[in-house]
């Protein structure tokens, strides 16, 4: 996804920083279920951008969840 954002977005630095922010936020809250399907891109007029973050849940707070 990083390569797509770098090569196809209208503002690659902003999009890559946003992706890094998503990853850091998920690590910080303990979202052990973060995976690529929880990150989306919007394609608009041959440019891409990240969609808003979703499925951001602090799963580490549940003992039965696999960390």
Protein backbone atom coordinates (compact mmCIF):
# COMPACT_ATOMS: atom_id res chain seq x y z
CA UNK A 1 0.00 0.00 0.00
CA UNK A 2 2.87 2.37 0.75
CA UNK A 3 4.10 2.09 -2.84
CA UNK A 4 0.63 2.81 -4.22
CA UNK A 5 0.29 5.88 -2.01
CA UNK A 6 3.73 7.09 -3.02
CA UNK A 7 3.21 6.62 -6.75
CA UNK A 8 -0.49 7.34 -7.21
CA UNK A 9 -1.64 9.86 -4.60
CA UNK A 10 -1.98 13.58 -5.15
CA UNK A 11 0.01 14.27 -1.99
CA UNK A 12 2.16 11.23 -1.17
CA UNK A 13 3.90 12.69 1.87
CA UNK A 14 0.60 13.48 3.59
CA UNK A 15 -0.89 10.08 2.72
CA UNK A 16 2.16 8.16 3.93
CA UNK A 17 2.21 10.14 7.16
CA UNK A 18 -1.48 9.36 7.65
CA UNK A 19 -0.82 5.65 7.10
CA UNK A 20 1.98 5.78 9.67
CA UNK A 21 -0.37 7.56 12.07
CA UNK A 22 -2.97 4.80 11.64
CA UNK A 23 -0.36 2.16 12.43
CA UNK A 24 0.98 4.01 15.47
CA UNK A 25 -2.53 4.65 16.81
CA UNK A 26 -3.42 0.96 16.50
CA UNK A 27 -0.24 -0.10 18.26
CA UNK A 28 -0.78 2.48 21.00
CA UNK A 29 -4.33 1.39 21.85
CA UNK A 30 -3.51 -2.31 21.60
CA UNK A 31 -5.42 -3.24 18.47
CA UNK A 32 -4.05 -6.74 17.94
CA UNK A 33 -6.52 -7.31 15.09
CA UNK A 34 -5.13 -4.63 12.75
CA UNK A 35 -4.53 -5.97 9.25
CA UNK A 36 -4.49 -4.73 5.66
CA UNK A 37 -8.23 -5.27 5.18
CA UNK A 38 -8.80 -2.57 7.81
CA UNK A 39 -7.07 -0.01 5.64
CA UNK A 40 -8.72 1.23 2.49
CA UNK A 41 -7.94 3.53 -0.38
CA UNK A 42 -10.26 5.72 -2.38
CA UNK A 43 -9.60 6.02 -6.10
CA UNK A 44 -10.80 9.29 -7.54
CA UNK A 45 -9.84 10.61 -10.97
CA UNK A 46 -6.71 8.44 -11.18
CA UNK A 47 -5.44 9.54 -7.76
CA UNK A 48 -5.67 7.59 -4.52
CA UNK A 49 -6.02 8.57 -0.90
CA UNK A 50 -6.53 6.71 2.34
CA UNK A 51 -10.04 6.24 3.61
CA UNK A 52 -10.86 7.10 7.22
CA UNK A 53 -9.66 4.57 9.78
CA UNK A 54 -12.15 1.89 10.76
CA UNK A 55 -12.34 -1.24 12.92
CA UNK A 56 -10.05 0.42 15.45
CA UNK A 57 -10.69 -1.57 18.62
CA UNK A 58 -8.40 -2.03 21.65
CA UNK A 59 -8.52 -5.83 21.47
CA UNK A 60 -5.64 -6.29 23.91
CA UNK A 61 -8.04 -5.39 26.73
CA UNK A 62 -9.84 -8.73 26.29
CA UNK A 63 -8.04 -11.63 27.93
CA UNK A 64 -9.43 -14.23 25.52
CA UNK A 65 -8.18 -12.40 22.44
CA UNK A 66 -5.00 -13.71 20.82
CA UNK A 67 -2.33 -10.99 20.97
